[in-house]
Amino acid sequence: MRLRLPKVYPILDSSTIPAGPEREVFLDRLGKALADAGVELLEYRNKPGSDADVYTDARVLRAAMPDTKLVMDDRVDVALAAGFNGVHVDLGDLPVEVARKLMGPGALIGTSAGAEGVSTIADYVAFGPVFPTTTKQTPLQPIGIEGVRRFRVAAGPDVVLVAAAGITLETAPHILSAGADAVAVSAAIFRAVDPATEFRRWLKQLG
């Protein structure tokens, strides 16, 4: 059966989390607020963090969001240790099939579209940047709405596609109409004054 993703899910990037002794308190409050706001799926991304730091953050999020599907970016071992539901792996990480073997058959495994094409092994494939982004370093040029349409045609109807990078509440409906199954959003939610309230706005508009 084809995977159903929520039309919008947040990517919590470590650049939007304050450092220091209040970090765990902040994450606990944020996680609980997002869960109350209706977040079904959340990806946690911490590229520069040590395994220990990522694990600490992940455990706080897991405890704060017990009923939310949590996906770890890159770190399969930390995802397993923290009890996450899945992992997102890219070029340079463990291969999709290895991540699946380690995480188990029920885990959510995502990857990104690369030069070799669109994976049909992963549960979903992320692609972008749709628009310029400030939360993730990438050498790729933005593809725009027309690029979303091209990805849908190239991937075929059975591949679950997630559009990412630079997406706003104004552009998200157009991206979904162009063929994306979901949009993954970071800065537009987590750089808002109240991320949970902002997510509710997205949920109300996108359904």
C-alpha atoms as a PDB file:
ATOM      1  CA  MET A   1       0.000   0.000   0.000  1.00  0.00           C
ATOM      2  CA  ARG A   2       1.303   3.465  -0.912  1.00  0.00           C
ATOM      3  CA  LEU A   3       2.611   5.435   2.065  1.00  0.00           C
ATOM      4  CA  ARG A   4       0.473   8.344   3.231  1.00  0.00           C
ATOM      5  CA  LEU A   5       2.417  11.278   4.599  1.00  0.00           C
ATOM      6  CA  PRO A   6       0.897  14.376   6.189  1.00  0.00           C
ATOM      7  CA  LYS A   7       0.806  17.185   3.643  1.00  0.00           C
ATOM      8  CA  VAL A   8       3.197  19.207   5.795  1.00  0.00           C
ATOM      9  CA  TYR A   9       5.754  18.112   8.344  1.00  0.00           C
ATOM     10  CA  PRO A  10       8.450  20.108  10.149  1.00  0.00           C
ATOM     11  CA  ILE A  11      12.198  19.629   9.919  1.00  0.00           C
ATOM     12  CA  LEU A  12      13.707  20.745  13.214  1.00  0.00           C
ATOM     13  CA  ASP A  13      17.237  21.901  12.378  1.00  0.00           C
ATOM     14  CA  SER A  14      19.781  22.351  15.165  1.00  0.00           C
ATOM     15  CA  SER A  15      20.493  25.899  13.951  1.00  0.00           C
ATOM     16  CA  THR A  16      17.084  26.932  15.290  1.00  0.00           C
ATOM     17  CA  ILE A  17      17.675  25.416  18.761  1.00  0.00           C
ATOM     18  CA  PRO A  18      19.393  27.596  21.398  1.00  0.00           C
ATOM     19  CA  ALA A  19      22.619  26.272  22.915  1.00  0.00           C
ATOM     20  CA  GLY A  20      23.387  26.203  26.616  1.00  0.00           C
ATOM     21  CA  PRO A  21      21.894  24.779  29.800  1.00  0.00           C
ATOM     22  CA  GLU A  22      18.296  25.598  28.811  1.00  0.00           C
ATOM     23  CA  ARG A  23      18.454  23.534  25.627  1.00  0.00           C
ATOM     24  CA  GLU A  24      16.720  20.455  27.054  1.00  0.00           C
ATOM     25  CA  VAL A  25      13.971  22.540  28.665  1.00  0.00           C
ATOM     26  CA  PHE A  26      13.454  24.380  25.389  1.00  0.00           C
ATOM     27  CA  LEU A  27      13.229  21.133  23.390  1.00  0.00           C
ATOM     28  CA  ASP A  28      10.854  19.566  25.881  1.00  0.00           C
ATOM     29  CA  ARG A  29       8.468  22.534  25.717  1.00  0.00           C
ATOM     30  CA  LEU A  30       8.768  22.796  21.942  1.00  0.00           C
ATOM     31  CA  GLY A  31       8.142  19.102  21.409  1.00  0.00           C
ATOM     32  CA  LYS A  32       5.047  19.076  23.612  1.00  0.00           C
ATOM     33  CA  ALA A  33       3.676  22.210  21.931  1.00  0.00           C
ATOM     34  CA  LEU A  34       4.197  20.750  18.455  1.00  0.00           C
ATOM     35  CA  ALA A  35       2.521  17.501  19.437  1.00  0.00           C
ATOM     36  CA  ASP A  36      -0.445  19.436  20.817  1.00  0.00           C
ATOM     37  CA  ALA A  37      -0.574  21.408  17.561  1.00  0.00           C
ATOM     38  CA  GLY A  38      -1.105  18.204  15.586  1.00  0.00           C
ATOM     39  CA  VAL A  39       2.356  17.353  14.248  1.00  0.00           C
ATOM     40  CA  GLU A  40       2.161  13.735  13.029  1.00  0.00           C
ATOM     41  CA  LEU A  41       5.713  13.499  11.697  1.00  0.00           C
ATOM     42  CA  LEU A  42       8.860  15.446  12.550  1.00  0.00           C
ATOM     43  CA  GLU A  43      12.403  15.159  11.201  1.00  0.00           C
ATOM     44  CA  TYR A  44      15.272  16.139  13.475  1.00  0.00           C
ATOM     45  CA  ARG A  45      18.458  17.327  11.752  1.00  0.00           C
ATOM     46  CA  ASN A  46      21.758  18.108  13.448  1.00  0.00           C
ATOM     47  CA  LYS A  47      24.626  17.973  10.950  1.00  0.00           C
ATOM     48  CA  PRO A  48      27.436  19.395  13.133  1.00  0.00           C
ATOM     49  CA  GLY A  49      26.479  17.837  16.489  1.00  0.00           C
ATOM     50  CA  SER A  50      28.354  15.016  18.184  1.00  0.00           C
ATOM     51  CA  ASP A  51      26.659  11.651  18.614  1.00  0.00           C
ATOM     52  CA  ALA A  52      26.230  12.397  22.317  1.00  0.00           C
ATOM     53  CA  ASP A  53      24.594  15.783  21.687  1.00  0.00           C
ATOM     54  CA  VAL A  54      22.302  14.418  19.000  1.00  0.00           C
ATOM     55  CA  TYR A  55      21.305  11.519  21.249  1.00  0.00           C
ATOM     56  CA  THR A  56      20.514  13.869  24.137  1.00  0.00           C
ATOM     57  CA  ASP A  57      18.299  16.038  21.933  1.00  0.00           C
ATOM     58  CA  ALA A  58      16.634  12.977  20.427  1.00  0.00           C
ATOM     59  CA  ARG A  59      15.750  11.488  23.806  1.00  0.00           C
ATOM     60  CA  VAL A  60      14.140  14.740  24.926  1.00  0.00           C
ATOM     61  CA  LEU A  61      12.073  14.912  21.734  1.00  0.00           C
ATOM     62  CA  ARG A  62      11.052  11.258  22.012  1.00  0.00           C
ATOM     63  CA  ALA A  63       9.818  11.754  25.580  1.00  0.00           C
ATOM     64  CA  ALA A  64       8.012  14.997  24.706  1.00  0.00           C
ATOM     65  CA  MET A  65       6.336  13.566  21.580  1.00  0.00           C
ATOM     66  CA  PRO A  66       5.478   9.931  22.367  1.00  0.00           C
ATOM     67  CA  ASP A  67       2.758   9.612  19.714  1.00  0.00           C
ATOM     68  CA  THR A  68       4.549  11.497  16.923  1.00  0.00           C
ATOM     69  CA  LYS A  69       6.547   9.705  14.240  1.00  0.00           C
ATOM     70  CA  LEU A  70      10.128  10.947  14.599  1.00  0.00           C
ATOM     71  CA  VAL A  71      12.693  10.654  11.815  1.00  0.00           C
ATOM     72  CA  MET A  72      16.418  11.181  12.385  1.00  0.00           C
ATOM     73  CA  ASP A  73      18.556  12.774   9.687  1.00  0.00           C
ATOM     74  CA  ASP A  74      21.693  10.736   8.821  1.00  0.00           C
ATOM     75  CA  ARG A  75      22.385   8.917  12.114  1.00  0.00           C
ATOM     76  CA  VAL A  76      20.880   5.439  11.986  1.00  0.00           C
ATOM     77  CA  ASP A  77      22.621   4.314  15.190  1.00  0.00           C
ATOM     78  CA  VAL A  78      21.360   7.313  17.168  1.00  0.00           C
ATOM     79  CA  ALA A  79      17.877   6.883  15.735  1.00  0.00           C
ATOM     80  CA  LEU A  80      17.818   3.313  17.021  1.00  0.00           C
ATOM     81  CA  ALA A  81      19.231   4.252  20.409  1.00  0.00           C
ATOM     82  CA  ALA A  82      16.686   7.039  20.918  1.00  0.00           C
ATOM     83  CA  GLY A  83      13.686   5.016  19.761  1.00  0.00           C
ATOM     84  CA  PHE A  84      12.942   7.042  16.628  1.00  0.00           C
ATOM     85  CA  ASN A  85      10.514   5.693  14.050  1.00  0.00           C
ATOM     86  CA  GLY A  86      12.733   6.182  11.046  1.00  0.00           C
ATOM     87  CA  VAL A  87      15.732   7.767   9.413  1.00  0.00           C
ATOM     88  CA  HIS A  88      16.510   9.949   6.395  1.00  0.00           C
ATOM     89  CA  VAL A  89      19.714   8.932   4.611  1.00  0.00           C
ATOM     90  CA  ASP A  90      21.460  10.632   1.698  1.00  0.00           C
ATOM     91  CA  LEU A  91      24.604  10.170  -0.379  1.00  0.00           C
ATOM     92  CA  GLY A  92      27.467   9.671   2.085  1.00  0.00           C
ATOM     93  CA  ASP A  93      25.216   8.071   4.706  1.00  0.00           C
ATOM     94  CA  LEU A  94      24.379   4.380   4.989  1.00  0.00           C
ATOM     95  CA  PRO A  95      22.602   2.997   1.900  1.00  0.00           C
ATOM     96  CA  VAL A  96      18.818   2.814   2.056  1.00  0.00           C
ATOM     97  CA  GLU A  97      18.801  -0.988   2.097  1.00  0.00           C
ATOM     98  CA  VAL A  98      21.267  -1.097   5.017  1.00  0.00           C
ATOM     99  CA  ALA A  99      19.262   1.487   6.964  1.00  0.00           C
ATOM    100  CA  ARG A 100      16.163  -0.652   6.382  1.00  0.00           C
ATOM    101  CA  LYS A 101      17.908  -3.777   7.635  1.00  0.00           C
ATOM    102  CA  LEU A 102      19.114  -2.038  10.793  1.00  0.00           C
ATOM    103  CA  MET A 103      15.940  -0.107  11.568  1.00  0.00           C
ATOM    104  CA  GLY A 104      13.587  -2.984  10.828  1.00  0.00           C
ATOM    105  CA  PRO A 105      10.778  -3.578   8.325  1.00  0.00           C
ATOM    106  CA  GLY A 106       8.330  -1.227  10.034  1.00  0.00           C
ATOM    107  CA  ALA A 107      10.645   1.788  10.078  1.00  0.00           C
ATOM    108  CA  LEU A 108      10.125   4.861   7.919  1.00  0.00           C
ATOM    109  CA  ILE A 109      13.103   5.213   5.571  1.00  0.00           C
ATOM    110  CA  GLY A 110      13.535   8.319   3.466  1.00  0.00           C
ATOM    111  CA  THR A 111      16.193   9.493   1.059  1.00  0.00           C
ATOM    112  CA  SER A 112      16.782  12.326  -1.394  1.00  0.00           C
ATOM    113  CA  ALA A 113      16.759  12.409  -5.173  1.00  0.00           C
ATOM    114  CA  GLY A 114      20.321  12.396  -6.471  1.00  0.00           C
ATOM    115  CA  ALA A 115      22.270  12.351  -9.684  1.00  0.00           C
ATOM    116  CA  GLU A 116      21.557   8.615 -10.025  1.00  0.00           C
ATOM    117  CA  GLY A 117      17.827   9.285 -10.178  1.00  0.00           C
ATOM    118  CA  VAL A 118      14.875   8.717  -7.890  1.00  0.00           C
ATOM    119  CA  SER A 119      15.021   5.787  -5.469  1.00  0.00           C
ATOM    120  CA  THR A 120      12.180   3.300  -5.505  1.00  0.00           C
ATOM    121  CA  ILE A 121      13.481   1.439  -2.445  1.00  0.00           C
ATOM    122  CA  ALA A 122      12.872   4.138   0.159  1.00  0.00           C
ATOM    123  CA  ASP A 123       9.418   4.876   1.590  1.00  0.00           C
ATOM    124  CA  TYR A 124       9.662   8.448   0.354  1.00  0.00           C
ATOM    125  CA  VAL A 125      12.016  10.615  -1.679  1.00  0.00           C
ATOM    126  CA  ALA A 126      12.758  14.238  -0.788  1.00  0.00           C
ATOM    127  CA  PHE A 127      13.833  16.653  -3.497  1.00  0.00           C
ATOM    128  CA  GLY A 128      14.781  20.285  -3.846  1.00  0.00           C
ATOM    129  CA  PRO A 129      15.694  22.941  -3.123  1.00  0.00           C
ATOM    130  CA  VAL A 130      12.417  24.214  -4.500  1.00  0.00           C
ATOM    131  CA  PHE A 131      13.421  27.744  -3.496  1.00  0.00           C
ATOM    132  CA  PRO A 132      16.561  29.225  -1.857  1.00  0.00           C
ATOM    133  CA  THR A 133      17.085  27.979   1.695  1.00  0.00           C
ATOM    134  CA  THR A 134      18.929  29.341   4.729  1.00  0.00           C
ATOM    135  CA  THR A 135      18.846  26.255   6.989  1.00  0.00           C
ATOM    136  CA  LYS A 136      20.792  23.731   4.907  1.00  0.00           C
ATOM    137  CA  GLN A 137      23.961  24.090   2.860  1.00  0.00           C
ATOM    138  CA  THR A 138      23.482  22.822  -0.686  1.00  0.00           C
ATOM    139  CA  PRO A 139      25.278  23.408  -4.003  1.00  0.00           C
ATOM    140  CA  LEU A 140      22.084  22.712  -5.938  1.00  0.00           C
ATOM    141  CA  GLN A 141      20.127  25.455  -7.652  1.00  0.00           C
ATOM    142  CA  PRO A 142      16.435  25.997  -6.809  1.00  0.00           C
ATOM    143  CA  ILE A 143      14.123  24.130  -9.177  1.00  0.00           C
ATOM    144  CA  GLY A 144      10.909  26.139  -8.700  1.00  0.00           C
ATOM    145  CA  ILE A 145       7.361  24.947  -9.285  1.00  0.00           C
ATOM    146  CA  GLU A 146       8.152  23.671 -12.785  1.00  0.00           C
ATOM    147  CA  GLY A 147      10.902  21.535 -11.304  1.00  0.00           C
ATOM    148  CA  VAL A 148       8.358  19.953  -8.970  1.00  0.00           C
ATOM    149  CA  ARG A 149       6.226  19.000 -11.969  1.00  0.00           C
ATOM    150  CA  ARG A 150       9.258  17.483 -13.710  1.00  0.00           C
ATOM    151  CA  PHE A 151      10.120  15.425 -10.620  1.00  0.00           C
ATOM    152  CA  ARG A 152       6.603  14.033 -10.471  1.00  0.00           C
ATOM    153  CA  VAL A 153       6.671  13.001 -14.110  1.00  0.00           C
ATOM    154  CA  ALA A 154      10.148  11.457 -13.782  1.00  0.00           C
ATOM    155  CA  ALA A 155       9.334   9.591 -10.567  1.00  0.00           C
ATOM    156  CA  GLY A 156       6.032   8.165 -11.720  1.00  0.00           C
ATOM    157  CA  PRO A 157       2.827   7.882  -9.709  1.00  0.00           C
ATOM    158  CA  ASP A 158       3.993   5.276  -7.182  1.00  0.00           C
ATOM    159  CA  VAL A 159       6.911   7.168  -5.607  1.00  0.00           C
ATOM    160  CA  VAL A 160       6.050   9.310  -2.582  1.00  0.00           C
ATOM    161  CA  LEU A 161       7.652  12.718  -3.142  1.00  0.00           C
ATOM    162  CA  VAL A 162       8.470  15.315  -0.490  1.00  0.00           C
ATOM    163  CA  ALA A 163       9.388  18.836  -1.613  1.00  0.00           C
ATOM    164  CA  ALA A 164      11.778  20.772   0.600  1.00  0.00           C
ATOM    165  CA  ALA A 165      13.675  24.025   1.027  1.00  0.00           C
ATOM    166  CA  GLY A 166      12.533  27.626   1.018  1.00  0.00           C
ATOM    167  CA  ILE A 167       8.841  26.727   1.081  1.00  0.00           C
ATOM    168  CA  THR A 168       6.360  29.221   2.527  1.00  0.00           C
ATOM    169  CA  LEU A 169       2.689  29.018   3.388  1.00  0.00           C
ATOM    170  CA  GLU A 170       1.946  30.954   0.212  1.00  0.00           C
ATOM    171  CA  THR A 171       3.907  28.617  -2.099  1.00  0.00           C
ATOM    172  CA  ALA A 172       3.057  25.280  -0.448  1.00  0.00           C
ATOM    173  CA  PRO A 173      -0.384  24.815  -2.086  1.00  0.00           C
ATOM    174  CA  HIS A 174       1.156  25.351  -5.538  1.00  0.00           C
ATOM    175  CA  ILE A 175       3.889  22.791  -4.801  1.00  0.00           C
ATOM    176  CA  LEU A 176       1.320  20.203  -3.728  1.00  0.00           C
ATOM    177  CA  SER A 177      -0.778  20.920  -6.811  1.00  0.00           C
ATOM    178  CA  ALA A 178       2.315  20.437  -8.969  1.00  0.00           C
ATOM    179  CA  GLY A 179       2.692  16.865  -7.755  1.00  0.00           C
ATOM    180  CA  ALA A 180       4.439  16.729  -4.375  1.00  0.00           C
ATOM    181  CA  ASP A 181       2.775  14.451  -1.830  1.00  0.00           C
ATOM    182  CA  ALA A 182       4.067  16.545   1.066  1.00  0.00           C
ATOM    183  CA  VAL A 183       6.174  19.572   1.909  1.00  0.00           C
ATOM    184  CA  ALA A 184       8.894  19.513   4.552  1.00  0.00           C
ATOM    185  CA  VAL A 185       9.369  22.892   6.230  1.00  0.00           C
ATOM    186  CA  SER A 186      12.060  24.205   8.547  1.00  0.00           C
ATOM    187  CA  ALA A 187      12.723  27.968   8.692  1.00  0.00           C
ATOM    188  CA  ALA A 188       9.156  29.059   7.949  1.00  0.00           C
ATOM    189  CA  ILE A 189       7.979  27.258  11.084  1.00  0.00           C
ATOM    190  CA  PHE A 190      10.897  27.276  13.497  1.00  0.00           C
ATOM    191  CA  ARG A 191      11.951  30.877  12.982  1.00  0.00           C
ATOM    192  CA  ALA A 192       8.439  32.042  13.794  1.00  0.00           C
ATOM    193  CA  VAL A 193       7.843  33.563  17.231  1.00  0.00           C
ATOM    194  CA  ASP A 194       5.604  30.612  18.136  1.00  0.00           C
ATOM    195  CA  PRO A 195       6.382  27.528  15.997  1.00  0.00           C
ATOM    196  CA  ALA A 196       3.395  25.532  17.254  1.00  0.00           C
ATOM    197  CA  THR A 197       0.949  28.309  16.391  1.00  0.00           C
ATOM    198  CA  GLU A 198       2.619  28.706  13.011  1.00  0.00           C
ATOM    199  CA  PHE A 199       2.262  24.990  12.328  1.00  0.00           C
ATOM    200  CA  ARG A 200      -1.446  25.217  13.127  1.00  0.00           C
ATOM    201  CA  ARG A 201      -1.734  27.865  10.402  1.00  0.00           C
ATOM    202  CA  TRP A 202      -0.120  25.481   7.903  1.00  0.00           C
ATOM    203  CA  LEU A 203      -2.335  22.609   9.002  1.00  0.00           C
ATOM    204  CA  LYS A 204      -5.477  24.702   8.683  1.00  0.00           C
ATOM    205  CA  GLN A 205      -4.597  25.873   5.168  1.00  0.00           C
ATOM    206  CA  LEU A 206      -3.224  22.606   3.765  1.00  0.00           C
ATOM    207  CA  GLY A 207      -5.557  20.198   5.529  1.00  0.00           C
END
